[in-house]
Amino acid sequence: MMSTSSARYALYYAPAPDTPLWRFGSELIGYDAATGKPTQAIIPEGQTADNWMALTREPRRYGFHATLKAPFYLHEETDEDALQQAMQGFKETARAVSLPSLILKTIGSFIALVPQTQSADLQALAAQTVDYFDRFRAPLTAHDRQRRLQSPLTERQIAQLDRWGYPYVMEDFRFHMTLTGPIHADEREPLQYTLQELYLKACGHQPVSIDRLVLFKQDDSTQKFKIIHHVDLV
């Protein structure tokens, strides 16, 4: 089993820190992964500050992002510098993807920003990221595998867990930018509406370009993820 002091890495899409989308997401969850510091959190109407900070505890741990390659420990035969160098090579073959817009949607028990329409190009980019960087991933431990199996997974998802270290890849990948943790069923619809209004006020109906691959690092299990490197996709 990996030590709780071991660093984890993740390859995400995250908007540039000077964009309305980054400010909206980071302020909503109360944490800016670019600076590694708390933000002045947006408190949606109908929420108390304490309640909202509790509802956003889980996304705050990871920072505002969309997963392309889920958090992993580094393989013992590689290091952080090699991972960053590989990102430079990746950008030579990967292509940015344009999405017409994002909308708020409830996924299970949490709320996230998702594309208004599915994109085959985005699915391909996610699959390319998973495959290209898999050589940097340490094998999944028995403990982590068992933890993942606590969730209901299909046979295909279990096979993907064993092959890629994460079940929701390839055909099961769904682009989403998480904004909350689990929400009681009766509260999801009104909160989704409130967050949609806040999103439109901050970002409007603007298209979103998935044009950055961003490396997040969690120094140990007690820390939040923080941005340490990125490459631009064209």
Protein backbone atom coordinates (compact mmCIF):
# COMPACT_ATOMS: atom_id res chain seq x y z
CA MET A 1 0.00 0.00 0.00
CA MET A 2 1.22 3.49 -0.82
CA SER A 3 2.14 5.66 2.16
CA THR A 4 -0.17 8.50 3.13
CA SER A 5 2.85 10.75 2.60
CA SER A 6 3.20 9.71 -1.07
CA ALA A 7 2.38 12.34 -3.66
CA ARG A 8 -0.38 11.78 -6.20
CA TYR A 9 -0.65 13.37 -9.63
CA ALA A 10 -3.59 13.94 -11.97
CA LEU A 11 -3.96 15.21 -15.52
CA TYR A 12 -6.95 17.48 -15.80
CA TYR A 13 -8.50 20.09 -17.96
CA ALA A 14 -8.64 23.36 -16.04
CA PRO A 15 -9.36 26.79 -17.52
CA ALA A 16 -6.67 29.45 -17.45
CA PRO A 17 -6.64 31.29 -14.10
CA ASP A 18 -7.57 34.64 -15.69
CA THR A 19 -10.82 33.35 -17.23
CA PRO A 20 -14.37 33.83 -15.93
CA LEU A 21 -14.89 30.05 -15.91
CA TRP A 22 -11.90 29.47 -13.62
CA ARG A 23 -12.95 32.27 -11.29
CA PHE A 24 -16.52 30.98 -11.17
CA GLY A 25 -15.56 27.39 -10.38
CA SER A 26 -12.82 28.26 -7.91
CA GLU A 27 -14.90 30.83 -6.05
CA LEU A 28 -17.87 28.51 -5.91
CA ILE A 29 -15.87 25.71 -4.23
CA GLY A 30 -13.81 28.14 -2.14
CA TYR A 31 -10.34 27.12 -3.35
CA ASP A 32 -7.97 28.21 -6.11
CA ALA A 33 -5.73 25.33 -7.19
CA ALA A 34 -3.53 27.72 -9.20
CA THR A 35 -2.46 29.57 -6.06
CA GLY A 36 -3.11 26.79 -3.55
CA LYS A 37 -5.09 29.24 -1.44
CA PRO A 38 -8.72 29.62 -0.34
CA THR A 39 -10.92 32.03 -2.25
CA GLN A 40 -13.75 34.23 -1.09
CA ALA A 41 -16.42 31.62 -1.68
CA ILE A 42 -19.63 32.32 -3.56
CA ILE A 43 -22.50 31.36 -1.25
CA PRO A 44 -25.59 30.50 -3.33
CA GLU A 45 -28.94 31.89 -2.28
CA GLY A 46 -30.60 29.69 0.31
CA GLN A 47 -27.31 28.34 1.67
CA THR A 48 -25.47 29.28 4.83
CA ALA A 49 -21.70 29.68 4.63
CA ASP A 50 -21.13 26.66 6.87
CA ASN A 51 -23.52 24.45 4.93
CA TRP A 52 -22.06 25.46 1.58
CA MET A 53 -18.50 24.85 2.70
CA ALA A 54 -19.58 21.38 3.81
CA LEU A 55 -21.30 20.69 0.47
CA THR A 56 -18.18 21.71 -1.46
CA ARG A 57 -15.62 19.95 0.75
CA GLU A 58 -14.97 17.14 -1.75
CA PRO A 59 -14.49 19.26 -4.92
CA ARG A 60 -12.39 21.70 -2.89
CA ARG A 61 -9.94 18.88 -2.14
CA TYR A 62 -9.29 18.35 -5.86
CA GLY A 63 -9.62 21.89 -7.20
CA PHE A 64 -11.87 23.01 -10.05
CA HIS A 65 -11.25 20.69 -13.00
CA ALA A 66 -12.44 18.05 -15.40
CA THR A 67 -10.67 14.70 -15.10
CA LEU A 68 -8.77 13.40 -18.11
CA LYS A 69 -6.47 11.00 -16.24
CA ALA A 70 -7.56 10.33 -12.67
CA PRO A 71 -5.19 10.72 -9.69
CA PHE A 72 -2.34 8.21 -9.57
CA TYR A 73 0.91 7.53 -7.76
CA LEU A 74 4.06 7.70 -9.88
CA HIS A 75 5.66 4.48 -11.04
CA GLU A 76 8.92 3.84 -9.20
CA GLU A 77 10.89 3.93 -12.47
CA THR A 78 9.91 7.49 -13.33
CA ASP A 79 9.70 10.92 -11.70
CA GLU A 80 7.93 14.27 -11.80
CA ASP A 81 10.39 15.84 -14.25
CA ALA A 82 9.86 13.02 -16.74
CA LEU A 83 6.10 13.42 -16.42
CA GLN A 84 6.32 17.13 -17.17
CA GLN A 85 8.60 16.47 -20.14
CA ALA A 86 6.10 13.94 -21.48
CA MET A 87 3.44 16.64 -21.41
CA GLN A 88 5.53 18.61 -23.88
CA GLY A 89 5.55 15.62 -26.22
CA PHE A 90 1.84 15.03 -25.75
CA LYS A 91 0.89 18.51 -26.91
CA GLU A 92 2.53 17.85 -30.28
CA THR A 93 -0.07 15.22 -31.13
CA ALA A 94 -3.12 16.20 -29.05
CA ARG A 95 -5.62 18.73 -30.33
CA ALA A 96 -7.80 21.21 -28.50
CA VAL A 97 -11.54 20.55 -28.53
CA SER A 98 -14.20 23.25 -28.77
CA LEU A 99 -17.48 22.80 -26.91
CA PRO A 100 -20.47 24.99 -27.77
CA SER A 101 -21.41 25.55 -24.13
CA LEU A 102 -21.61 24.01 -20.66
CA ILE A 103 -24.71 23.40 -18.58
CA LEU A 104 -25.40 22.39 -15.00
CA LYS A 105 -26.48 18.79 -14.47
CA THR A 106 -27.04 16.45 -11.56
CA ILE A 107 -24.84 13.35 -11.83
CA GLY A 108 -25.88 10.82 -9.24
CA SER A 109 -26.06 12.90 -6.07
CA PHE A 110 -23.76 15.79 -7.04
CA ILE A 111 -23.96 18.76 -9.42
CA ALA A 112 -21.45 19.45 -12.19
CA LEU A 113 -20.87 21.42 -15.35
CA VAL A 114 -21.13 19.20 -18.43
CA PRO A 115 -21.13 19.75 -22.21
CA GLN A 116 -24.52 20.59 -23.64
CA THR A 117 -23.84 18.04 -26.38
CA GLN A 118 -21.56 15.01 -26.52
CA SER A 119 -18.29 15.36 -28.43
CA ALA A 120 -16.49 12.47 -30.13
CA ASP A 121 -13.35 14.61 -30.29
CA LEU A 122 -13.46 15.14 -26.53
CA GLN A 123 -13.90 11.41 -25.93
CA ALA A 124 -10.88 10.79 -28.15
CA LEU A 125 -8.77 13.37 -26.29
CA ALA A 126 -9.61 11.79 -22.95
CA ALA A 127 -8.76 8.30 -24.23
CA GLN A 128 -5.50 9.58 -25.70
CA THR A 129 -4.55 11.15 -22.35
CA VAL A 130 -5.31 7.98 -20.40
CA ASP A 131 -3.24 5.85 -22.75
CA TYR A 132 -0.30 8.20 -23.30
CA PHE A 133 0.45 8.80 -19.63
CA ASP A 134 -0.29 5.34 -18.30
CA ARG A 135 3.38 4.43 -18.21
CA PHE A 136 3.81 6.93 -15.39
CA ARG A 137 1.15 5.32 -13.20
CA ALA A 138 2.13 2.95 -10.41
CA PRO A 139 0.07 -0.27 -10.41
CA LEU A 140 -3.20 -0.10 -8.51
CA THR A 141 -2.80 -1.48 -5.00
CA ALA A 142 -5.08 -4.24 -3.73
CA HIS A 143 -6.45 -1.79 -1.15
CA ASP A 144 -7.34 0.84 -3.77
CA ARG A 145 -8.84 -1.77 -6.07
CA GLN A 146 -11.06 -3.06 -3.28
CA ARG A 147 -12.10 0.49 -2.42
CA ARG A 148 -13.15 1.10 -6.00
CA LEU A 149 -15.13 -2.13 -6.06
CA GLN A 150 -17.34 -0.78 -3.27
CA SER A 151 -19.12 1.22 -5.98
CA PRO A 152 -21.42 -0.65 -8.36
CA LEU A 153 -19.33 -1.25 -11.49
CA THR A 154 -20.10 -3.04 -14.72
CA GLU A 155 -17.87 -5.84 -15.97
CA ARG A 156 -16.37 -3.43 -18.49
CA GLN A 157 -15.66 -0.87 -15.79
CA ILE A 158 -13.95 -3.50 -13.63
CA ALA A 159 -11.81 -4.50 -16.60
CA GLN A 160 -10.93 -0.83 -17.16
CA LEU A 161 -10.08 -0.45 -13.48
CA ASP A 162 -7.64 -3.34 -13.79
CA ARG A 163 -6.16 -2.07 -17.07
CA TRP A 164 -6.05 1.68 -16.48
CA GLY A 165 -6.36 2.08 -12.69
CA TYR A 166 -9.73 3.85 -13.00
CA PRO A 167 -13.12 2.53 -14.13
CA TYR A 168 -14.62 5.58 -15.85
CA VAL A 169 -12.45 5.78 -18.95
CA MET A 170 -12.80 5.13 -22.69
CA GLU A 171 -16.48 4.38 -23.40
CA ASP A 172 -17.40 5.22 -19.81
CA PHE A 173 -15.71 8.63 -19.78
CA ARG A 174 -18.06 11.55 -19.20
CA PHE A 175 -16.59 15.05 -19.11
CA HIS A 176 -17.74 16.93 -16.01
CA MET A 177 -16.52 19.70 -13.75
CA THR A 178 -17.74 18.90 -10.25
CA LEU A 179 -19.17 21.75 -8.18
CA THR A 180 -20.63 19.98 -5.14
CA GLY A 181 -20.42 16.87 -3.06
CA PRO A 182 -23.47 14.67 -2.40
CA ILE A 183 -26.74 16.58 -2.06
CA HIS A 184 -30.00 15.35 -0.58
CA ALA A 185 -32.44 14.38 -3.34
CA ASP A 186 -35.03 17.02 -2.38
CA GLU A 187 -32.45 19.81 -2.65
CA ARG A 188 -30.81 18.92 -5.96
CA GLU A 189 -33.23 20.45 -8.46
CA PRO A 190 -33.56 23.89 -6.82
CA LEU A 191 -29.82 24.08 -6.17
CA GLN A 192 -29.07 23.09 -9.76
CA TYR A 193 -31.30 25.92 -10.96
CA THR A 194 -29.60 28.40 -8.62
CA LEU A 195 -26.12 27.35 -9.75
CA GLN A 196 -27.18 27.53 -13.40
CA GLU A 197 -28.23 31.14 -12.88
CA LEU A 198 -24.93 31.95 -11.17
CA TYR A 199 -23.00 30.28 -13.98
CA LEU A 200 -24.84 32.19 -16.72
CA LYS A 201 -24.30 35.44 -14.87
CA ALA A 202 -20.56 34.76 -14.58
CA CYS A 203 -19.85 33.07 -17.92
CA GLY A 204 -22.88 33.43 -20.17
CA HIS A 205 -23.50 31.06 -23.05
CA GLN A 206 -19.90 31.20 -24.22
CA PRO A 207 -18.25 28.23 -25.95
CA VAL A 208 -15.50 26.51 -23.99
CA SER A 209 -12.23 25.37 -25.50
CA ILE A 210 -10.58 22.32 -23.92
CA ASP A 211 -7.19 23.74 -24.77
CA ARG A 212 -5.01 23.03 -21.72
CA LEU A 213 -3.65 19.88 -20.14
CA VAL A 214 -2.92 20.68 -16.51
CA LEU A 215 -0.85 18.70 -14.03
CA PHE A 216 -2.22 18.74 -10.49
CA LYS A 217 -0.23 17.41 -7.53
CA GLN A 218 -1.33 16.35 -4.05
CA ASP A 219 1.74 16.31 -1.80
CA ASP A 220 0.13 13.85 0.61
CA SER A 221 -3.32 12.63 1.56
CA THR A 222 -3.87 15.51 4.01
CA GLN A 223 -3.33 18.19 1.33
CA LYS A 224 -5.40 19.64 -1.49
CA PHE A 225 -4.35 19.20 -5.10
CA LYS A 226 -2.46 22.13 -6.61
CA ILE A 227 -1.48 23.04 -10.18
CA ILE A 228 2.24 22.60 -10.84
CA HIS A 229 2.48 22.55 -14.64
CA HIS A 230 0.43 22.87 -17.80
CA VAL A 231 0.72 22.76 -21.58
CA ASP A 232 -1.47 24.50 -24.12
CA LEU A 233 -3.20 22.48 -26.82
CA VAL A 234 -3.89 23.93 -30.24
